[in-house]
PDB file of N, CA and C in Angstrom:
ATOM      1  N   MET A   1      64.003 111.508  97.017  1.00  0.00           N
ATOM      2  CA  MET A   1      64.260 112.276  98.301  1.00  0.00           C
ATOM      3  C   MET A   1      65.625 113.061  98.019  1.00  0.00           C
ATOM      4  N   LYS A   2      65.474 114.369  98.319  1.00  0.00           N
ATOM      5  CA  LYS A   2      66.616 115.357  98.023  1.00  0.00           C
ATOM      6  C   LYS A   2      67.412 115.457  99.218  1.00  0.00           C
ATOM      7  N   HIS A   3      68.693 115.511  99.204  1.00  0.00           N
ATOM      8  CA  HIS A   3      69.616 115.728 100.188  1.00  0.00           C
ATOM      9  C   HIS A   3      70.244 117.207 100.216  1.00  0.00           C
ATOM     10  N   LYS A   4      69.952 117.952 101.305  1.00  0.00           N
ATOM     11  CA  LYS A   4      70.421 119.213 101.292  1.00  0.00           C
ATOM     12  C   LYS A   4      71.786 119.191 101.855  1.00  0.00           C
ATOM     13  N   ILE A   5      72.790 120.014 101.499  1.00  0.00           N
ATOM     14  CA  ILE A   5      73.990 120.173 101.947  1.00  0.00           C
ATOM     15  C   ILE A   5      74.545 121.731 101.847  1.00  0.00           C
ATOM     16  N   ASP A   6      75.229 122.219 102.954  1.00  0.00           N
ATOM     17  CA  ASP A   6      75.631 123.505 102.800  1.00  0.00           C
ATOM     18  C   ASP A   6      76.792 123.729 101.951  1.00  0.00           C
ATOM     19  N   ILE A   7      77.014 124.972 101.573  1.00  0.00           N
ATOM     20  CA  ILE A   7      78.007 125.224 100.611  1.00  0.00           C
ATOM     21  C   ILE A   7      79.449 125.091 101.113  1.00  0.00           C
ATOM     22  N   LYS A   8      79.743 125.114 102.369  1.00  0.00           N
ATOM     23  CA  LYS A   8      80.944 124.805 102.964  1.00  0.00           C
ATOM     24  C   LYS A   8      81.321 123.389 102.757  1.00  0.00           C
ATOM     25  N   LYS A   9      80.387 122.484 102.899  1.00  0.00           N
ATOM     26  CA  LYS A   9      80.643 121.031 102.672  1.00  0.00           C
ATOM     27  C   LYS A   9      81.067 120.860 101.312  1.00  0.00           C
ATOM     28  N   ILE A  10      80.343 121.342 100.277  1.00  0.00           N
ATOM     29  CA  ILE A  10      80.605 121.248  99.012  1.00  0.00           C
ATOM     30  C   ILE A  10      81.892 121.718  98.420  1.00  0.00           C
ATOM     31  N   ILE A  11      82.377 122.885  99.103  1.00  0.00           N
ATOM     32  CA  ILE A  11      83.694 123.459  98.763  1.00  0.00           C
ATOM     33  C   ILE A  11      84.683 122.478  99.291  1.00  0.00           C
ATOM     34  N   MET A  12      84.501 121.860 100.505  1.00  0.00           N
ATOM     35  CA  MET A  12      85.398 121.014 101.174  1.00  0.00           C
ATOM     36  C   MET A  12      85.613 119.740 100.309  1.00  0.00           C
ATOM     37  N   LEU A  13      84.326 119.216  99.801  1.00  0.00           N
ATOM     38  CA  LEU A  13      84.445 118.008  98.989  1.00  0.00           C
ATOM     39  C   LEU A  13      85.226 118.215  97.710  1.00  0.00           C
ATOM     40  N   GLN A  14      85.073 119.492  97.086  1.00  0.00           N
ATOM     41  CA  GLN A  14      85.765 119.818  95.920  1.00  0.00           C
ATOM     42  C   GLN A  14      87.202 120.008  96.079  1.00  0.00           C
ATOM     43  N   VAL A  15      87.614 120.597  97.254  1.00  0.00           N
ATOM     44  CA  VAL A  15      89.002 120.737  97.496  1.00  0.00           C
ATOM     45  C   VAL A  15      89.675 119.367  97.706  1.00  0.00           C
ATOM     46  N   ILE A  16      89.003 118.455  98.143  1.00  0.00           N
ATOM     47  CA  ILE A  16      89.466 117.187  98.436  1.00  0.00           C
ATOM     48  C   ILE A  16      89.593 116.291  97.098  1.00  0.00           C
ATOM     49  N   VAL A  17      88.602 116.489  96.238  1.00  0.00           N
ATOM     50  CA  VAL A  17      88.633 115.967  94.920  1.00  0.00           C
ATOM     51  C   VAL A  17      89.690 116.511  94.105  1.00  0.00           C
ATOM     52  N   PHE A  18      89.744 117.783  94.203  1.00  0.00           N
ATOM     53  CA  PHE A  18      90.955 118.504  93.419  1.00  0.00           C
ATOM     54  C   PHE A  18      92.359 117.913  93.860  1.00  0.00           C
ATOM     55  N   ILE A  19      92.563 117.854  95.159  1.00  0.00           N
ATOM     56  CA  ILE A  19      93.706 117.191  95.680  1.00  0.00           C
ATOM     57  C   ILE A  19      93.994 115.792  95.059  1.00  0.00           C
ATOM     58  N   TYR A  20      92.908 115.030  94.949  1.00  0.00           N
ATOM     59  CA  TYR A  20      92.929 113.709  94.372  1.00  0.00           C
ATOM     60  C   TYR A  20      93.345 113.724  92.962  1.00  0.00           C
ATOM     61  N   SER A  21      92.864 114.724  92.173  1.00  0.00           N
ATOM     62  CA  SER A  21      93.155 114.857  90.863  1.00  0.00           C
ATOM     63  C   SER A  21      94.567 115.189  90.585  1.00  0.00           C
ATOM     64  N   ILE A  22      95.322 115.893  91.438  1.00  0.00           N
ATOM     65  CA  ILE A  22      96.650 116.155  91.384  1.00  0.00           C
ATOM     66  C   ILE A  22      97.405 114.870  91.326  1.00  0.00           C
ATOM     67  N   GLY A  23      96.935 113.860  92.075  1.00  0.00           N
ATOM     68  CA  GLY A  23      97.743 112.549  91.942  1.00  0.00           C
ATOM     69  C   GLY A  23      97.638 111.910  90.611  1.00  0.00           C
ATOM     70  N   SER A  24      96.598 112.190  89.875  1.00  0.00           N
ATOM     71  CA  SER A  24      96.488 111.784  88.469  1.00  0.00           C
ATOM     72  C   SER A  24      97.494 112.358  87.520  1.00  0.00           C
ATOM     73  N   VAL A  25      97.681 113.753  87.861  1.00  0.00           N
ATOM     74  CA  VAL A  25      98.692 114.524  87.051  1.00  0.00           C
ATOM     75  C   VAL A  25     100.163 113.983  87.355  1.00  0.00           C
ATOM     76  N   LEU A  26     100.347 113.761  88.694  1.00  0.00           N
ATOM     77  CA  LEU A  26     101.641 113.264  88.953  1.00  0.00           C
ATOM     78  C   LEU A  26     101.942 111.705  88.504  1.00  0.00           C
ATOM     79  N   SER A  27     100.967 111.069  88.226  1.00  0.00           N
ATOM     80  CA  SER A  27     100.960 109.774  87.795  1.00  0.00           C
ATOM     81  C   SER A  27     101.248 109.740  86.299  1.00  0.00           C
ATOM     82  N   LYS A  28     100.743 110.705  85.520  1.00  0.00           N
ATOM     83  CA  LYS A  28     101.117 110.991  83.994  1.00  0.00           C
ATOM     84  C   LYS A  28     102.453 111.319  84.017  1.00  0.00           C
ATOM     85  N   VAL A  29     102.807 112.361  84.749  1.00  0.00           N
ATOM     86  CA  VAL A  29     104.216 112.866  84.638  1.00  0.00           C
ATOM     87  C   VAL A  29     105.219 111.758  85.085  1.00  0.00           C
ATOM     88  N   ALA A  30     104.989 111.029  86.227  1.00  0.00           N
ATOM     89  CA  ALA A  30     105.844 109.880  86.601  1.00  0.00           C
ATOM     90  C   ALA A  30     106.036 108.775  85.381  1.00  0.00           C
ATOM     91  N   SER A  31     104.892 108.565  84.718  1.00  0.00           N
ATOM     92  CA  SER A  31     104.956 107.553  83.659  1.00  0.00           C
ATOM     93  C   SER A  31     105.849 108.043  82.539  1.00  0.00           C
ATOM     94  N   SER A  32     105.782 109.321  82.203  1.00  0.00           N
ATOM     95  CA  SER A  32     106.653 109.782  81.221  1.00  0.00           C
ATOM     96  C   SER A  32     108.159 109.862  81.699  1.00  0.00           C
ATOM     97  N   GLN A  33     108.214 110.085  83.008  1.00  0.00           N
ATOM     98  CA  GLN A  33     109.658 110.310  83.516  1.00  0.00           C
ATOM     99  C   GLN A  33     110.315 108.759  83.483  1.00  0.00           C
ATOM    100  N   MET A  34     109.365 107.732  83.786  1.00  0.00           N
ATOM    101  CA  MET A  34     109.959 106.366  83.985  1.00  0.00           C
ATOM    102  C   MET A  34     110.400 105.843  82.303  1.00  0.00           C
ATOM    103  N   LYS A  35     109.632 106.301  81.457  1.00  0.00           N
ATOM    104  CA  LYS A  35     110.053 106.026  80.055  1.00  0.00           C
ATOM    105  C   LYS A  35     111.316 106.620  79.630  1.00  0.00           C
ATOM    106  N   GLU A  36     111.536 107.902  80.203  1.00  0.00           N
ATOM    107  CA  GLU A  36     112.675 108.633  79.828  1.00  0.00           C
ATOM    108  C   GLU A  36     113.841 108.239  80.643  1.00  0.00           C
ATOM    109  N   SER A  37     113.886 108.134  81.900  1.00  0.00           N
ATOM    110  CA  SER A  37     114.996 108.060  82.701  1.00  0.00           C
ATOM    111  C   SER A  37     115.050 106.567  83.245  1.00  0.00           C
ATOM    112  N   GLY A  38     114.010 105.818  83.304  1.00  0.00           N
ATOM    113  CA  GLY A  38     114.001 104.469  83.951  1.00  0.00           C
ATOM    114  C   GLY A  38     113.535 104.346  85.331  1.00  0.00           C
ATOM    115  N   ILE A  39     113.046 103.137  85.675  1.00  0.00           N
ATOM    116  CA  ILE A  39     112.327 103.002  86.875  1.00  0.00           C
ATOM    117  C   ILE A  39     113.096 103.304  88.234  1.00  0.00           C
ATOM    118  N   PHE A  40     114.371 103.246  88.086  1.00  0.00           N
ATOM    119  CA  PHE A  40     115.093 103.512  89.238  1.00  0.00           C
ATOM    120  C   PHE A  40     115.832 104.974  89.292  1.00  0.00           C
ATOM    121  N   SER A  41     115.206 105.824  88.474  1.00  0.00           N
ATOM    122  CA  SER A  41     115.879 107.156  88.405  1.00  0.00           C
ATOM    123  C   SER A  41     115.307 107.996  89.678  1.00  0.00           C
ATOM    124  N   PHE A  42     116.056 109.007  90.139  1.00  0.00           N
ATOM    125  CA  PHE A  42     115.661 109.770  91.265  1.00  0.00           C
ATOM    126  C   PHE A  42     114.387 110.530  91.023  1.00  0.00           C
ATOM    127  N   GLN A  43     114.220 111.001  89.778  1.00  0.00           N
ATOM    128  CA  GLN A  43     113.106 111.661  89.433  1.00  0.00           C
ATOM    129  C   GLN A  43     111.883 111.008  89.488  1.00  0.00           C
ATOM    130  N   PHE A  44     111.863 109.768  88.842  1.00  0.00           N
ATOM    131  CA  PHE A  44     110.662 108.960  88.955  1.00  0.00           C
ATOM    132  C   PHE A  44     110.380 108.523  90.419  1.00  0.00           C
ATOM    133  N   ILE A  45     111.387 108.164  91.138  1.00  0.00           N
ATOM    134  CA  ILE A  45     111.161 107.840  92.598  1.00  0.00           C
ATOM    135  C   ILE A  45     110.625 108.971  93.379  1.00  0.00           C
ATOM    136  N   GLY A  46     111.091 110.241  93.043  1.00  0.00           N
ATOM    137  CA  GLY A  46     110.616 111.358  93.760  1.00  0.00           C
ATOM    138  C   GLY A  46     108.924 111.674  93.293  1.00  0.00           C
ATOM    139  N   LEU A  47     108.751 111.540  92.030  1.00  0.00           N
ATOM    140  CA  LEU A  47     107.355 111.733  91.614  1.00  0.00           C
ATOM    141  C   LEU A  47     106.508 110.625  92.296  1.00  0.00           C
ATOM    142  N   LEU A  48     106.916 109.594  92.283  1.00  0.00           N
ATOM    143  CA  LEU A  48     106.246 108.364  92.995  1.00  0.00           C
ATOM    144  C   LEU A  48     105.895 108.576  94.512  1.00  0.00           C
ATOM    145  N   PHE A  49     106.968 109.248  95.166  1.00  0.00           N
ATOM    146  CA  PHE A  49     106.905 109.520  96.550  1.00  0.00           C
ATOM    147  C   PHE A  49     105.859 110.608  96.648  1.00  0.00           C
ATOM    148  N   CYS A  50     105.888 111.648  95.825  1.00  0.00           N
ATOM    149  CA  CYS A  50     104.843 112.833  95.983  1.00  0.00           C
ATOM    150  C   CYS A  50     103.533 112.297  95.660  1.00  0.00           C
ATOM    151  N   MET A  51     103.385 111.487  94.761  1.00  0.00           N
ATOM    152  CA  MET A  51     102.200 110.971  94.457  1.00  0.00           C
ATOM    153  C   MET A  51     101.451 110.052  95.608  1.00  0.00           C
ATOM    154  N   ILE A  52     102.314 109.315  96.172  1.00  0.00           N
ATOM    155  CA  ILE A  52     101.770 108.478  97.439  1.00  0.00           C
ATOM    156  C   ILE A  52     101.457 109.309  98.547  1.00  0.00           C
ATOM    157  N   MET A  53     102.227 110.407  98.761  1.00  0.00           N
ATOM    158  CA  MET A  53     101.975 111.298  99.879  1.00  0.00           C
ATOM    159  C   MET A  53     100.555 112.262  99.546  1.00  0.00           C
ATOM    160  N   ILE A  54     100.416 112.643  98.355  1.00  0.00           N
ATOM    161  CA  ILE A  54      99.091 113.213  97.915  1.00  0.00           C
ATOM    162  C   ILE A  54      97.871 112.155  98.229  1.00  0.00           C
ATOM    163  N   LEU A  55      98.042 111.084  97.761  1.00  0.00           N
ATOM    164  CA  LEU A  55      97.100 110.062  97.922  1.00  0.00           C
ATOM    165  C   LEU A  55      96.765 109.703  99.431  1.00  0.00           C
ATOM    166  N   ALA A  56      97.829 109.689 100.175  1.00  0.00           N
ATOM    167  CA  ALA A  56      97.708 109.456 101.695  1.00  0.00           C
ATOM    168  C   ALA A  56      96.891 110.722 102.096  1.00  0.00           C
ATOM    169  N   PHE A  57      97.397 111.877 101.907  1.00  0.00           N
ATOM    170  CA  PHE A  57      96.801 113.108 102.328  1.00  0.00           C
ATOM    171  C   PHE A  57      95.081 113.089 101.958  1.00  0.00           C
ATOM    172  N   TYR A  58      94.797 112.786 100.791  1.00  0.00           N
ATOM    173  CA  TYR A  58      93.445 112.640 100.212  1.00  0.00           C
ATOM    174  C   TYR A  58      92.756 111.667 100.987  1.00  0.00           C
ATOM    175  N   ALA A  59      93.311 110.405 101.193  1.00  0.00           N
ATOM    176  CA  ALA A  59      92.745 109.239 101.868  1.00  0.00           C
ATOM    177  C   ALA A  59      92.201 109.666 103.317  1.00  0.00           C
ATOM    178  N   LEU A  60      93.213 110.329 104.025  1.00  0.00           N
ATOM    179  CA  LEU A  60      92.934 110.839 105.248  1.00  0.00           C
ATOM    180  C   LEU A  60      91.779 111.606 105.467  1.00  0.00           C
ATOM    181  N   PHE A  61      91.779 112.865 104.658  1.00  0.00           N
ATOM    182  CA  PHE A  61      90.808 113.707 104.792  1.00  0.00           C
ATOM    183  C   PHE A  61      89.415 113.351 104.131  1.00  0.00           C
ATOM    184  N   TRP A  62      89.455 112.472 103.115  1.00  0.00           N
ATOM    185  CA  TRP A  62      88.311 111.942 102.604  1.00  0.00           C
ATOM    186  C   TRP A  62      87.595 111.136 103.641  1.00  0.00           C
ATOM    187  N   GLN A  63      88.306 110.378 104.514  1.00  0.00           N
ATOM    188  CA  GLN A  63      87.681 109.504 105.427  1.00  0.00           C
ATOM    189  C   GLN A  63      87.213 110.445 106.672  1.00  0.00           C
ATOM    190  N   LYS A  64      87.762 111.525 106.981  1.00  0.00           N
ATOM    191  CA  LYS A  64      87.247 112.431 107.849  1.00  0.00           C
ATOM    192  C   LYS A  64      86.000 113.161 107.423  1.00  0.00           C
ATOM    193  N   LEU A  65      85.985 113.458 106.062  1.00  0.00           N
ATOM    194  CA  LEU A  65      84.961 114.077 105.655  1.00  0.00           C
ATOM    195  C   LEU A  65      83.647 113.091 105.516  1.00  0.00           C
ATOM    196  N   LEU A  66      83.874 111.748 105.245  1.00  0.00           N
ATOM    197  CA  LEU A  66      82.799 110.914 105.120  1.00  0.00           C
ATOM    198  C   LEU A  66      81.982 110.601 106.470  1.00  0.00           C
ATOM    199  N   LYS A  67      82.721 111.005 107.574  1.00  0.00           N
ATOM    200  CA  LYS A  67      82.201 110.913 108.929  1.00  0.00           C
ATOM    201  C   LYS A  67      81.093 111.896 109.095  1.00  0.00           C
ATOM    202  N   THR A  68      81.215 113.034 108.334  1.00  0.00           N
ATOM    203  CA  THR A  68      80.237 114.199 108.707  1.00  0.00           C
ATOM    204  C   THR A  68      79.360 114.311 107.495  1.00  0.00           C
ATOM    205  N   THR A  69      79.500 113.690 106.390  1.00  0.00           N
ATOM    206  CA  THR A  69      78.738 114.001 105.118  1.00  0.00           C
ATOM    207  C   THR A  69      77.953 112.832 104.734  1.00  0.00           C
ATOM    208  N   ASP A  70      76.790 113.084 104.129  1.00  0.00           N
ATOM    209  CA  ASP A  70      76.021 112.031 103.660  1.00  0.00           C
ATOM    210  C   ASP A  70      76.718 111.358 102.447  1.00  0.00           C
ATOM    211  N   LEU A  71      76.904 109.957 102.448  1.00  0.00           N
ATOM    212  CA  LEU A  71      77.513 109.210 101.509  1.00  0.00           C
ATOM    213  C   LEU A  71      77.121 109.543 100.032  1.00  0.00           C
ATOM    214  N   THR A  72      75.773 109.649  99.955  1.00  0.00           N
ATOM    215  CA  THR A  72      75.175 109.942  98.587  1.00  0.00           C
ATOM    216  C   THR A  72      75.823 111.099  97.971  1.00  0.00           C
ATOM    217  N   ILE A  73      75.999 112.199  98.837  1.00  0.00           N
ATOM    218  CA  ILE A  73      76.332 113.477  98.429  1.00  0.00           C
ATOM    219  C   ILE A  73      77.953 113.477  98.100  1.00  0.00           C
ATOM    220  N   ALA A  74      78.671 112.792  99.106  1.00  0.00           N
ATOM    221  CA  ALA A  74      80.007 112.758  98.960  1.00  0.00           C
ATOM    222  C   ALA A  74      80.519 111.951  97.617  1.00  0.00           C
ATOM    223  N   TYR A  75      79.919 110.989  97.414  1.00  0.00           N
ATOM    224  CA  TYR A  75      80.220 110.027  96.102  1.00  0.00           C
ATOM    225  C   TYR A  75      79.804 110.719  94.921  1.00  0.00           C
ATOM    226  N   ALA A  76      78.786 111.363  95.051  1.00  0.00           N
ATOM    227  CA  ALA A  76      78.269 112.121  93.692  1.00  0.00           C
ATOM    228  C   ALA A  76      79.252 113.180  93.436  1.00  0.00           C
ATOM    229  N   ASN A  77      79.814 113.926  94.379  1.00  0.00           N
ATOM    230  CA  ASN A  77      80.746 114.932  94.101  1.00  0.00           C
ATOM    231  C   ASN A  77      82.027 114.335  93.655  1.00  0.00           C
ATOM    232  N   LYS A  78      82.387 113.231  94.113  1.00  0.00           N
ATOM    233  CA  LYS A  78      83.673 112.631  93.590  1.00  0.00           C
ATOM    234  C   LYS A  78      83.768 112.566  92.200  1.00  0.00           C
ATOM    235  N   GLY A  79      82.564 112.425  91.587  1.00  0.00           N
ATOM    236  CA  GLY A  79      82.562 112.398  90.037  1.00  0.00           C
ATOM    237  C   GLY A  79      83.147 113.655  89.457  1.00  0.00           C
ATOM    238  N   MET A  80      83.316 114.788  90.240  1.00  0.00           N
ATOM    239  CA  MET A  80      84.034 116.089  89.590  1.00  0.00           C
ATOM    240  C   MET A  80      85.464 115.698  89.375  1.00  0.00           C
ATOM    241  N   VAL A  81      86.049 114.631  89.790  1.00  0.00           N
ATOM    242  CA  VAL A  81      87.429 114.336  89.415  1.00  0.00           C
ATOM    243  C   VAL A  81      87.693 114.334  87.910  1.00  0.00           C
ATOM    244  N   LEU A  82      86.659 114.021  87.327  1.00  0.00           N
ATOM    245  CA  LEU A  82      86.583 113.925  85.743  1.00  0.00           C
ATOM    246  C   LEU A  82      86.766 115.414  85.097  1.00  0.00           C
ATOM    247  N   PHE A  83      86.062 116.461  85.749  1.00  0.00           N
ATOM    248  CA  PHE A  83      86.157 117.749  85.387  1.00  0.00           C
ATOM    249  C   PHE A  83      87.525 118.205  85.732  1.00  0.00           C
ATOM    250  N   TRP A  84      88.138 117.897  86.756  1.00  0.00           N
ATOM    251  CA  TRP A  84      89.559 118.412  87.063  1.00  0.00           C
ATOM    252  C   TRP A  84      90.533 117.712  86.185  1.00  0.00           C
ATOM    253  N   SER A  85      90.294 116.381  85.967  1.00  0.00           N
ATOM    254  CA  SER A  85      91.310 115.702  85.056  1.00  0.00           C
ATOM    255  C   SER A  85      91.181 116.318  83.665  1.00  0.00           C
ATOM    256  N   LEU A  86      90.062 116.620  83.073  1.00  0.00           N
ATOM    257  CA  LEU A  86      90.007 117.318  81.867  1.00  0.00           C
ATOM    258  C   LEU A  86      90.626 118.682  81.889  1.00  0.00           C
ATOM    259  N   LEU A  87      90.394 119.385  82.917  1.00  0.00           N
ATOM    260  CA  LEU A  87      91.122 120.703  83.006  1.00  0.00           C
ATOM    261  C   LEU A  87      92.587 120.512  83.003  1.00  0.00           C
ATOM    262  N   TRP A  88      93.107 119.511  83.702  1.00  0.00           N
ATOM    263  CA  TRP A  88      94.586 119.470  83.805  1.00  0.00           C
ATOM    264  C   TRP A  88      95.046 118.944  82.401  1.00  0.00           C
ATOM    265  N   SER A  89      94.301 118.073  81.679  1.00  0.00           N
ATOM    266  CA  SER A  89      94.735 117.505  80.431  1.00  0.00           C
ATOM    267  C   SER A  89      94.855 118.799  79.444  1.00  0.00           C
ATOM    268  N   VAL A  90      94.024 119.696  79.494  1.00  0.00           N
ATOM    269  CA  VAL A  90      93.970 120.868  78.616  1.00  0.00           C
ATOM    270  C   VAL A  90      95.164 121.817  78.902  1.00  0.00           C
ATOM    271  N   LEU A  91      95.251 122.206  80.317  1.00  0.00           N
ATOM    272  CA  LEU A  91      95.954 123.159  80.766  1.00  0.00           C
ATOM    273  C   LEU A  91      97.475 122.746  80.719  1.00  0.00           C
ATOM    274  N   LEU A  92      97.836 121.537  81.302  1.00  0.00           N
ATOM    275  CA  LEU A  92      99.148 121.070  81.424  1.00  0.00           C
ATOM    276  C   LEU A  92      99.668 120.190  80.341  1.00  0.00           C
ATOM    277  N   PHE A  93      98.863 119.413  79.669  1.00  0.00           N
ATOM    278  CA  PHE A  93      99.369 118.515  78.692  1.00  0.00           C
ATOM    279  C   PHE A  93      98.877 118.845  77.413  1.00  0.00           C
ATOM    280  N   HIS A  94      98.048 119.969  77.050  1.00  0.00           N
ATOM    281  CA  HIS A  94      97.673 120.471  75.898  1.00  0.00           C
ATOM    282  C   HIS A  94      96.951 119.410  75.093  1.00  0.00           C
ATOM    283  N   GLU A  95      96.145 118.667  75.794  1.00  0.00           N
ATOM    284  CA  GLU A  95      95.373 117.633  74.940  1.00  0.00           C
ATOM    285  C   GLU A  95      93.938 118.224  74.451  1.00  0.00           C
ATOM    286  N   ALA A  96      93.546 117.650  73.413  1.00  0.00           N
ATOM    287  CA  ALA A  96      92.423 118.158  72.723  1.00  0.00           C
ATOM    288  C   ALA A  96      91.129 117.801  73.544  1.00  0.00           C
ATOM    289  N   VAL A  97      90.098 118.643  73.534  1.00  0.00           N
ATOM    290  CA  VAL A  97      88.861 118.244  74.258  1.00  0.00           C
ATOM    291  C   VAL A  97      87.810 118.261  73.036  1.00  0.00           C
ATOM    292  N   THR A  98      86.889 117.119  73.201  1.00  0.00           N
ATOM    293  CA  THR A  98      85.879 116.918  72.399  1.00  0.00           C
ATOM    294  C   THR A  98      84.640 117.439  72.872  1.00  0.00           C
ATOM    295  N   ILE A  99      83.573 117.605  72.086  1.00  0.00           N
ATOM    296  CA  ILE A  99      82.257 117.988  72.643  1.00  0.00           C
ATOM    297  C   ILE A  99      81.798 116.892  73.534  1.00  0.00           C
ATOM    298  N   PHE A 100      82.066 115.687  73.269  1.00  0.00           N
ATOM    299  CA  PHE A 100      81.449 114.551  74.095  1.00  0.00           C
ATOM    300  C   PHE A 100      82.125 114.619  75.461  1.00  0.00           C
ATOM    301  N   ASN A 101      83.454 115.054  75.667  1.00  0.00           N
ATOM    302  CA  ASN A 101      84.018 115.366  76.955  1.00  0.00           C
ATOM    303  C   ASN A 101      83.209 116.354  77.648  1.00  0.00           C
ATOM    304  N   VAL A 102      82.959 117.603  77.008  1.00  0.00           N
ATOM    305  CA  VAL A 102      82.301 118.635  77.678  1.00  0.00           C
ATOM    306  C   VAL A 102      80.807 118.202  77.923  1.00  0.00           C
ATOM    307  N   LEU A 103      80.220 117.452  77.094  1.00  0.00           N
ATOM    308  CA  LEU A 103      78.803 117.033  77.433  1.00  0.00           C
ATOM    309  C   LEU A 103      78.875 116.164  78.641  1.00  0.00           C
ATOM    310  N   GLY A 104      79.829 115.224  78.682  1.00  0.00           N
ATOM    311  CA  GLY A 104      79.890 114.306  79.890  1.00  0.00           C
ATOM    312  C   GLY A 104      80.060 114.890  81.230  1.00  0.00           C
ATOM    313  N   ILE A 105      80.854 116.105  81.149  1.00  0.00           N
ATOM    314  CA  ILE A 105      81.140 116.780  82.438  1.00  0.00           C
ATOM    315  C   ILE A 105      79.862 117.588  82.766  1.00  0.00           C
ATOM    316  N   VAL A 106      79.024 117.967  81.851  1.00  0.00           N
ATOM    317  CA  VAL A 106      77.933 118.912  82.107  1.00  0.00           C
ATOM    318  C   VAL A 106      76.919 117.825  82.695  1.00  0.00           C
ATOM    319  N   LEU A 107      76.946 116.614  82.271  1.00  0.00           N
ATOM    320  CA  LEU A 107      75.901 115.584  82.803  1.00  0.00           C
ATOM    321  C   LEU A 107      76.237 115.280  84.227  1.00  0.00           C
ATOM    322  N   ILE A 108      77.507 115.300  84.378  1.00  0.00           N
ATOM    323  CA  ILE A 108      78.024 114.870  85.741  1.00  0.00           C
ATOM    324  C   ILE A 108      77.633 116.051  86.713  1.00  0.00           C
ATOM    325  N   ILE A 109      77.864 117.323  86.305  1.00  0.00           N
ATOM    326  CA  ILE A 109      77.389 118.506  87.203  1.00  0.00           C
ATOM    327  C   ILE A 109      75.896 118.520  87.381  1.00  0.00           C
ATOM    328  N   ILE A 110      75.172 118.203  86.332  1.00  0.00           N
ATOM    329  CA  ILE A 110      73.634 118.134  86.534  1.00  0.00           C
ATOM    330  C   ILE A 110      73.291 117.128  87.551  1.00  0.00           C
ATOM    331  N   GLY A 111      73.945 115.938  87.411  1.00  0.00           N
ATOM    332  CA  GLY A 111      73.708 114.826  88.334  1.00  0.00           C
ATOM    333  C   GLY A 111      74.113 115.226  89.706  1.00  0.00           C
ATOM    334  N   ILE A 112      75.127 115.832  89.898  1.00  0.00           N
ATOM    335  CA  ILE A 112      75.581 116.261  91.293  1.00  0.00           C
ATOM    336  C   ILE A 112      74.552 117.326  91.813  1.00  0.00           C
ATOM    337  N   LEU A 113      73.990 118.064  91.026  1.00  0.00           N
ATOM    338  CA  LEU A 113      72.983 119.215  91.511  1.00  0.00           C
ATOM    339  C   LEU A 113      71.634 118.543  91.789  1.00  0.00           C
ATOM    340  N   VAL A 114      71.317 117.419  91.046  1.00  0.00           N
ATOM    341  CA  VAL A 114      70.144 116.623  91.381  1.00  0.00           C
ATOM    342  C   VAL A 114      70.380 115.931  92.693  1.00  0.00           C
ATOM    343  N   VAL A 115      71.450 115.298  92.920  1.00  0.00           N
ATOM    344  CA  VAL A 115      71.551 114.520  94.103  1.00  0.00           C
ATOM    345  C   VAL A 115      71.693 115.401  95.464  1.00  0.00           C
ATOM    346  N   THR A 116      72.297 116.570  95.230  1.00  0.00           N
ATOM    347  CA  THR A 116      72.515 117.443  96.380  1.00  0.00           C
ATOM    348  C   THR A 116      71.308 118.395  96.650  1.00  0.00           C
ATOM    349  N   GLY A 117      70.406 118.342  95.717  1.00  0.00           N
ATOM    350  CA  GLY A 117      69.262 119.307  95.865  1.00  0.00           C
ATOM    351  C   GLY A 117      69.473 120.676  95.790  1.00  0.00           C
ATOM    352  N   ASN A 118      70.689 121.128  95.341  1.00  0.00           N
ATOM    353  CA  ASN A 118      70.878 122.405  94.919  1.00  0.00           C
ATOM    354  C   ASN A 118      70.455 122.950  93.771  1.00  0.00           C
ATOM    355  N   ASP A 119      69.452 123.960  93.703  1.00  0.00           N
ATOM    356  CA  ASP A 119      68.857 124.401  92.478  1.00  0.00           C
ATOM    357  C   ASP A 119      69.627 125.646  91.961  1.00  0.00           C
TER     358      ASP A 119
END
């Protein structure tokens, strides 16, 4: 059974997933900062606070979106966090991307398209 969803919901889902991925970026930066300055440094505590605020914002809006969206579609789209994480790793941290990373993201996108019924 295919689930149809309008483009506005898909965009809202992606914005929320995008915000969630920013928490991962802050987590990586905070980890580096903790190694550099220690667990009680103002930089680490500030990054930790920002990360918690972003995750709280994400959790609030994710719950609101779940009230009006089919769970199958919402959780299928949550898989896009891997795309955003890969993008951040390349753009911000200059990490290498393998063909397997790209193939994995393509499979996730195909899966989302199959679940949402968007051709």
